């Protein structure tokens, strides 16, 4: 019995040791080489991102975990010179060529095997999630919701105070000799009758009603564009800072009528699609600060999806469906009748840059 117990303990310890060893190796094998991932990402963004994405088709097939579907040597031959690989009679190469309507992929003979391995490593491990991103997003949402909760709390406090005062008045009335009404319905009716007869509660109701009415009235008035910096909520969150600032897109590329018209014009969705046909998501660290909250990558990618919906673009099959929808922009500026302004006189005749007036 003693030997049997010792044998059991030895087996249990051995299994525990093997389990710990296995977990350790698994954790070690899952560690990401950040330097290699960074180099692969840099090459991917500069050479591949215009036609490929990791998670879905773009101009070419999705490349996430491509090494699970193709051999490494085949991928190197395809990337360096896909035309030569097709000419050799490779079946897979010719099938891909036919599947994507015989569109020629750019060859990259200048890439070394290490360069390609780094790119493939990036397609396997993907993006490295930064710690604290989720916490920051939640914190921003809570910050934006604070005024609403404050309003609910104030309303609850007012109702509670009103009921407490009504209950106290009812109790005082009963202490003075007023008969009690049996049953919940009778007590409710008695309470309501007491409220209607009490002048103090009437005055209190009028004061609270006036305060709430003033709050709603001024809140509505402040939404009207009568002051500088008026920025209404638009159907699509567009940032001039990202487009004209960070990406250096010329103002007149979108507002082409500013050269020869009184107004600068609102660009059509087709102008947006000139770029966004191939740009379905923003960079990982892109942020847009709105009035009371901040939009991050996950939010901004959804805004690009709204452009696709308006243009009738099927991002999965990479084709137009023909089902277009107008974007209902909210008007920002409304020039008074006594004022006259002509964009073409300033842009074409005077030669002023757009940034001279639209600095922000």
Protein backbone atom coordinates (compact mmCIF):
# COMPACT_ATOMS: atom_id res chain seq x y z
CA UNK A 1 0.00 0.00 0.00
CA UNK A 2 2.86 2.35 0.89
CA UNK A 3 4.67 1.66 -2.40
CA UNK A 4 1.41 2.07 -4.33
CA UNK A 5 0.88 5.52 -2.74
CA UNK A 6 4.45 6.57 -3.51
CA UNK A 7 4.04 5.45 -7.14
CA UNK A 8 0.85 7.46 -7.46
CA UNK A 9 2.53 10.56 -6.09
CA UNK A 10 5.43 10.16 -8.48
CA UNK A 11 3.06 9.84 -11.46
CA UNK A 12 1.07 12.89 -10.40
CA UNK A 13 4.23 14.99 -9.97
CA UNK A 14 5.56 13.83 -13.33
CA UNK A 15 2.30 14.73 -15.09
CA UNK A 16 2.25 18.12 -13.36
CA UNK A 17 5.84 18.78 -14.46
CA UNK A 18 5.05 17.81 -18.05
CA UNK A 19 1.94 20.01 -18.01
CA UNK A 20 3.92 23.02 -16.75
CA UNK A 21 6.63 22.34 -19.33
CA UNK A 22 4.04 22.11 -22.12
CA UNK A 23 2.37 25.36 -21.07
CA UNK A 24 5.76 27.07 -20.88
CA UNK A 25 6.70 25.93 -24.38
CA UNK A 26 3.27 26.94 -25.68
CA UNK A 27 3.60 30.41 -24.18
CA UNK A 28 7.11 30.70 -25.54
CA UNK A 29 6.00 29.62 -29.01
CA UNK A 30 3.23 32.23 -29.00
CA UNK A 31 5.56 35.12 -28.28
CA UNK A 32 5.69 37.60 -31.14
CA UNK A 33 8.95 38.88 -32.52
CA UNK A 34 8.01 42.58 -32.47
CA UNK A 35 11.04 43.71 -34.49
CA UNK A 36 10.28 41.23 -37.26
CA UNK A 37 6.56 42.04 -37.15
CA UNK A 38 7.33 45.75 -37.40
CA UNK A 39 9.64 45.28 -40.39
CA UNK A 40 7.11 43.03 -42.12
CA UNK A 41 4.33 45.53 -41.48
CA UNK A 42 6.43 48.37 -42.91
CA UNK A 43 7.08 46.40 -46.12
CA UNK A 44 3.45 45.27 -46.36
CA UNK A 45 2.09 48.82 -45.98
CA UNK A 46 4.47 50.25 -48.59
CA UNK A 47 4.25 47.46 -51.19
CA UNK A 48 1.14 45.38 -50.64
CA UNK A 49 -1.54 47.44 -48.85
CA UNK A 50 -2.82 49.17 -52.00
CA UNK A 51 -4.11 45.83 -53.33
CA UNK A 52 -4.32 43.50 -50.32
CA UNK A 53 -5.73 43.34 -46.81
CA UNK A 54 -5.18 40.77 -44.11
CA UNK A 55 -8.82 40.05 -43.34
CA UNK A 56 -10.66 40.41 -46.66
CA UNK A 57 -10.35 40.73 -50.42
CA UNK A 58 -9.45 44.06 -51.96
CA UNK A 59 -7.99 44.20 -55.48
CA UNK A 60 -6.28 40.91 -54.69
CA UNK A 61 -7.02 38.08 -52.22
CA UNK A 62 -6.81 38.46 -48.46
CA UNK A 63 -3.35 37.63 -47.14
CA UNK A 64 -4.02 36.82 -43.49
CA UNK A 65 -2.37 33.47 -42.63
CA UNK A 66 -1.46 32.97 -46.30
CA UNK A 67 1.33 30.55 -45.32
CA UNK A 68 -1.33 28.10 -44.14
CA UNK A 69 -2.69 27.96 -47.70
CA UNK A 70 0.50 28.20 -49.79
CA UNK A 71 4.02 26.90 -49.42
CA UNK A 72 6.77 29.37 -48.58
CA UNK A 73 8.85 28.64 -51.70
CA UNK A 74 5.82 29.04 -53.96
CA UNK A 75 4.97 32.40 -52.36
CA UNK A 76 8.52 33.67 -52.88
CA UNK A 77 8.42 32.69 -56.56
CA UNK A 78 5.01 34.32 -56.99
CA UNK A 79 6.00 37.58 -55.27
CA UNK A 80 9.34 37.96 -57.04
CA UNK A 81 8.05 37.23 -60.57
CA UNK A 82 4.50 35.92 -60.88
CA UNK A 83 4.55 36.21 -64.70
CA UNK A 84 7.50 33.80 -64.90
CA UNK A 85 5.75 31.41 -62.52
CA UNK A 86 2.65 31.43 -64.72
CA UNK A 87 4.75 30.96 -67.84
CA UNK A 88 6.28 27.86 -66.28
CA UNK A 89 2.83 26.28 -66.34
CA UNK A 90 2.19 26.39 -62.60
CA UNK A 91 -1.46 25.41 -62.15
CA UNK A 92 -2.12 27.42 -58.97
CA UNK A 93 -0.55 30.57 -60.41
CA UNK A 94 -2.68 30.42 -63.56
CA UNK A 95 -5.86 29.71 -61.57
CA UNK A 96 -5.30 32.80 -59.43
CA UNK A 97 -4.58 34.85 -62.56
CA UNK A 98 -7.89 33.75 -64.12
CA UNK A 99 -9.85 34.19 -60.86
CA UNK A 100 -8.84 37.85 -60.65
CA UNK A 101 -9.74 38.60 -64.26
CA UNK A 102 -6.15 38.27 -65.51
CA UNK A 103 -4.99 41.41 -63.75
CA UNK A 104 -1.20 41.49 -63.54
CA UNK A 105 0.32 41.69 -60.11
CA UNK A 106 3.40 43.87 -59.72
CA UNK A 107 6.59 41.82 -59.51
CA UNK A 108 9.07 42.51 -56.72
CA UNK A 109 12.41 41.01 -57.82
CA UNK A 110 14.24 43.47 -55.54
CA UNK A 111 12.91 41.76 -52.40
CA UNK A 112 15.22 39.33 -50.65
CA UNK A 113 14.05 36.07 -49.12
CA UNK A 114 14.32 37.69 -45.70
CA UNK A 115 12.12 40.61 -46.82
CA UNK A 116 9.46 38.21 -48.03
CA UNK A 117 9.71 36.10 -44.87
CA UNK A 118 9.17 39.26 -42.79
CA UNK A 119 6.10 40.17 -44.84
CA UNK A 120 4.72 36.65 -44.48
CA UNK A 121 5.43 36.75 -40.75
CA UNK A 122 3.33 39.91 -40.50
CA UNK A 123 0.47 38.27 -42.42
CA UNK A 124 0.58 35.41 -39.90
CA UNK A 125 0.76 37.33 -36.60
CA UNK A 126 -1.15 40.43 -37.75
CA UNK A 127 -1.39 43.55 -35.63
CA UNK A 128 -0.08 43.70 -32.07
CA UNK A 129 -2.86 44.86 -29.78
CA UNK A 130 -1.82 47.70 -27.55
CA UNK A 131 -2.69 47.34 -23.87
CA UNK A 132 -5.14 49.90 -22.61
CA UNK A 133 -6.88 50.61 -25.92
CA UNK A 134 -10.14 49.03 -24.77
CA UNK A 135 -9.95 50.81 -21.44
CA UNK A 136 -9.37 54.15 -23.15
CA UNK A 137 -12.35 53.60 -25.46
CA UNK A 138 -14.65 52.70 -22.58
CA UNK A 139 -13.43 55.69 -20.60
CA UNK A 140 -14.19 58.02 -23.51
CA UNK A 141 -17.70 56.61 -23.85
CA UNK A 142 -18.39 57.04 -20.17
CA UNK A 143 -17.12 60.60 -20.32
CA UNK A 144 -19.51 61.40 -23.14
CA UNK A 145 -22.47 59.88 -21.27
CA UNK A 146 -21.87 61.77 -18.01
CA UNK A 147 -24.19 64.76 -18.73
CA UNK A 148 -27.07 62.41 -19.61
CA UNK A 149 -26.72 60.46 -16.38
CA UNK A 150 -26.52 63.72 -14.48
CA UNK A 151 -29.82 64.81 -16.01
CA UNK A 152 -31.47 61.50 -15.07
CA UNK A 153 -30.16 61.82 -11.53
CA UNK A 154 -31.53 65.35 -11.22
CA UNK A 155 -34.95 64.24 -12.49
CA UNK A 156 -35.02 61.33 -10.03
CA UNK A 157 -34.07 63.68 -7.16
CA UNK A 158 -36.88 66.08 -8.08
CA UNK A 159 -39.49 63.31 -8.23
CA UNK A 160 -38.28 61.80 -4.95
CA UNK A 161 -38.37 65.18 -3.20
CA UNK A 162 -41.86 65.81 -4.56
CA UNK A 163 -43.15 62.46 -3.24
CA UNK A 164 -41.51 62.98 0.16
CA UNK A 165 -43.12 66.40 0.58
CA UNK A 166 -46.50 65.02 -0.51
CA UNK A 167 -46.20 62.15 1.96
CA UNK A 168 -45.27 64.54 4.81
CA UNK A 169 -48.24 66.77 4.04
CA UNK A 170 -50.54 63.74 4.04
CA UNK A 171 -49.16 62.62 7.41
CA UNK A 172 -49.65 66.11 8.86
CA UNK A 173 -53.22 66.11 7.56
CA UNK A 174 -53.90 62.78 9.27
CA UNK A 175 -52.40 64.03 12.54
CA UNK A 176 -54.80 66.97 12.42
CA UNK A 177 -57.73 64.55 12.39
CA UNK A 178 -58.41 63.90 8.72
CA UNK A 179 -59.88 60.41 8.18
CA UNK A 180 -57.69 57.71 6.60
CA UNK A 181 -58.84 56.19 3.33
CA UNK A 182 -58.44 52.39 3.29
CA UNK A 183 -56.77 50.58 0.35
CA UNK A 184 -53.97 51.56 -2.00
CA UNK A 185 -56.33 53.14 -4.52
CA UNK A 186 -58.02 55.19 -1.82
CA UNK A 187 -54.69 56.34 -0.40
CA UNK A 188 -53.50 57.34 -3.87
CA UNK A 189 -56.69 59.32 -4.48
CA UNK A 190 -56.35 60.98 -1.08
CA UNK A 191 -52.72 61.85 -1.77
CA UNK A 192 -53.61 63.35 -5.14
CA UNK A 193 -56.44 65.36 -3.61
CA UNK A 194 -54.01 66.71 -1.01
CA UNK A 195 -51.53 67.69 -3.72
CA UNK A 196 -54.20 69.59 -5.67
CA UNK A 197 -55.22 71.57 -2.59
CA UNK A 198 -51.68 72.41 -1.41
CA UNK A 199 -50.51 75.83 -2.60
CA UNK A 200 -46.87 75.20 -1.64
CA UNK A 201 -46.66 72.19 -3.97
CA UNK A 202 -48.24 74.25 -6.75
CA UNK A 203 -45.57 76.92 -6.38
CA UNK A 204 -42.84 74.27 -6.21
CA UNK A 205 -44.15 72.60 -9.38
CA UNK A 206 -44.20 75.91 -11.25
CA UNK A 207 -40.60 76.66 -10.20
CA UNK A 208 -39.33 73.23 -11.23
CA UNK A 209 -41.33 73.41 -14.47
CA UNK A 210 -39.86 76.82 -15.28
CA UNK A 211 -36.31 75.58 -14.61
CA UNK A 212 -36.72 72.47 -16.76
CA UNK A 213 -38.41 74.52 -19.50
CA UNK A 214 -35.54 77.03 -19.46
CA UNK A 215 -33.00 74.19 -19.61
CA UNK A 216 -34.71 72.64 -22.65
CA UNK A 217 -35.23 76.02 -24.34
CA UNK A 218 -31.64 77.19 -24.00
CA UNK A 219 -30.35 73.75 -24.92
CA UNK A 220 -32.37 73.92 -28.14
CA UNK A 221 -31.27 77.49 -28.90
CA UNK A 222 -27.60 76.59 -28.46
CA UNK A 223 -28.00 73.97 -31.19
CA UNK A 224 -28.86 76.67 -33.72
CA UNK A 225 -25.89 77.88 -35.78
CA UNK A 226 -25.85 81.47 -34.60
CA UNK A 227 -22.37 81.48 -33.12
CA UNK A 228 -18.83 80.95 -34.34
CA UNK A 229 -17.59 77.37 -34.31
CA UNK A 230 -21.00 75.83 -35.00
CA UNK A 231 -20.42 72.15 -35.78
CA UNK A 232 -23.62 70.12 -36.17
CA UNK A 233 -23.60 66.33 -36.07
CA UNK A 234 -23.25 65.12 -39.65
CA UNK A 235 -24.45 61.75 -41.07
CA UNK A 236 -20.80 60.85 -41.74
CA UNK A 237 -18.03 61.95 -39.39
CA UNK A 238 -15.65 63.72 -41.77
CA UNK A 239 -12.36 65.25 -40.67
CA UNK A 240 -10.66 67.96 -42.75
CA UNK A 241 -7.63 67.56 -40.51
CA UNK A 242 -7.09 63.96 -41.67
CA UNK A 243 -7.71 64.64 -45.37
CA UNK A 244 -6.29 68.11 -45.99
CA UNK A 245 -3.92 68.13 -43.02
CA UNK A 246 -2.36 64.72 -42.42
CA UNK A 247 -2.77 63.35 -45.96
CA UNK A 248 -2.09 66.68 -47.78
CA UNK A 249 -5.04 66.32 -50.18
CA UNK A 250 -5.48 69.52 -52.16
CA UNK A 251 -8.65 71.37 -51.12
CA UNK A 252 -9.73 71.89 -54.72
CA UNK A 253 -9.55 68.19 -55.47
CA UNK A 254 -12.79 67.81 -53.50
CA UNK A 255 -14.10 71.40 -53.80
CA UNK A 256 -13.37 71.79 -57.51
CA UNK A 257 -16.06 74.43 -58.13
CA UNK A 258 -14.23 76.95 -55.92
CA UNK A 259 -12.14 77.96 -58.98
CA UNK A 260 -15.03 79.02 -61.16
CA UNK A 261 -18.12 79.36 -58.98
CA UNK A 262 -19.56 81.48 -56.22
CA UNK A 263 -19.66 78.46 -53.89
CA UNK A 264 -16.98 75.88 -53.22
CA UNK A 265 -19.47 73.04 -53.61
CA UNK A 266 -19.98 69.77 -51.77
CA UNK A 267 -18.03 66.86 -53.30
CA UNK A 268 -20.10 63.97 -54.58
CA UNK A 269 -19.72 60.48 -53.14
CA UNK A 270 -18.00 59.40 -56.38
CA UNK A 271 -15.17 61.82 -55.56
CA UNK A 272 -14.80 60.14 -52.16
CA UNK A 273 -14.73 56.73 -53.87
CA UNK A 274 -11.78 57.74 -56.04
CA UNK A 275 -9.66 57.05 -52.96
CA UNK A 276 -11.92 55.05 -50.66
CA UNK A 277 -12.53 52.37 -53.24
CA UNK A 278 -9.15 51.06 -52.09
CA UNK A 279 -9.11 52.57 -48.58
CA UNK A 280 -11.68 50.81 -46.42
CA UNK A 281 -10.04 51.51 -43.07
CA UNK A 282 -7.92 54.13 -41.36
CA UNK A 283 -4.50 53.77 -39.74
CA UNK A 284 -4.37 52.09 -36.35
CA UNK A 285 -3.51 55.24 -34.39
CA UNK A 286 -5.99 57.57 -36.15
CA UNK A 287 -8.25 59.56 -33.84
CA UNK A 288 -10.84 62.26 -34.45
CA UNK A 289 -11.84 64.48 -31.53
CA UNK A 290 -15.49 65.50 -31.61
CA UNK A 291 -17.29 67.84 -29.21
CA UNK A 292 -17.67 65.45 -26.29
CA UNK A 293 -15.98 62.22 -27.40
CA UNK A 294 -13.15 60.77 -29.45
CA UNK A 295 -13.57 58.50 -32.47
CA UNK A 296 -10.93 55.77 -32.81
CA UNK A 297 -10.13 53.31 -35.60
CA UNK A 298 -13.12 51.01 -34.99
CA UNK A 299 -15.48 54.00 -35.13
CA UNK A 300 -13.89 55.62 -38.19
CA UNK A 301 -13.91 52.37 -40.20
CA UNK A 302 -17.70 52.32 -39.74
CA UNK A 303 -17.88 55.87 -41.16
CA UNK A 304 -16.09 54.69 -44.33
CA UNK A 305 -18.66 51.87 -44.54
CA UNK A 306 -21.37 54.58 -44.66
CA UNK A 307 -19.70 55.99 -47.80
CA UNK A 308 -19.83 52.52 -49.37
CA UNK A 309 -23.52 52.29 -48.51
CA UNK A 310 -24.21 55.69 -50.09
CA UNK A 311 -22.22 54.86 -53.23
CA UNK A 312 -23.67 51.37 -53.56
CA UNK A 313 -20.25 49.73 -53.31
CA UNK A 314 -20.04 46.06 -52.37
CA UNK A 315 -16.71 45.84 -50.53
CA UNK A 316 -16.79 42.04 -50.47
CA UNK A 317 -17.28 41.47 -54.21
CA UNK A 318 -15.53 44.72 -55.22
CA UNK A 319 -18.33 45.98 -57.46
CA UNK A 320 -21.09 48.59 -57.56
CA UNK A 321 -24.62 47.36 -56.84
CA UNK A 322 -26.37 50.38 -58.34
CA UNK A 323 -28.30 50.99 -55.10
CA UNK A 324 -27.12 54.51 -54.25
CA UNK A 325 -28.34 56.67 -51.37
CA UNK A 326 -27.93 60.45 -50.96
CA UNK A 327 -25.87 61.65 -48.02
CA UNK A 328 -28.06 64.09 -46.09
CA UNK A 329 -25.43 66.60 -44.97
CA UNK A 330 -26.50 69.20 -42.39
CA UNK A 331 -25.93 72.75 -43.65
CA UNK A 332 -23.32 74.66 -41.67
CA UNK A 333 -23.08 78.10 -43.30
CA UNK A 334 -25.95 80.30 -44.51
CA UNK A 335 -24.74 83.63 -45.89
CA UNK A 336 -27.08 86.57 -45.11
CA UNK A 337 -28.84 88.24 -48.06
CA UNK A 338 -26.98 91.53 -47.55
CA UNK A 339 -23.56 89.81 -47.86
CA UNK A 340 -21.95 88.77 -51.14
CA UNK A 341 -19.03 86.38 -51.46
CA UNK A 342 -17.57 84.69 -54.51
CA UNK A 343 -15.01 81.90 -54.14
CA UNK A 344 -13.72 82.16 -57.69
CA UNK A 345 -12.76 85.84 -57.23
CA UNK A 346 -10.59 84.92 -54.28
CA UNK A 347 -9.20 81.58 -55.50
CA UNK A 348 -8.70 82.30 -59.23
CA UNK A 349 -8.43 86.09 -59.51
CA UNK A 350 -6.66 86.89 -56.23
CA UNK A 351 -4.79 83.58 -56.10
CA UNK A 352 -5.45 83.07 -52.41
CA UNK A 353 -4.82 79.67 -50.87
CA UNK A 354 -7.81 78.01 -49.21
CA UNK A 355 -5.87 77.80 -45.94
CA UNK A 356 -5.70 81.61 -45.79
CA UNK A 357 -9.34 81.70 -44.67
CA UNK A 358 -9.92 78.09 -43.66
CA UNK A 359 -6.93 77.76 -41.34
CA UNK A 360 -8.62 75.45 -38.84
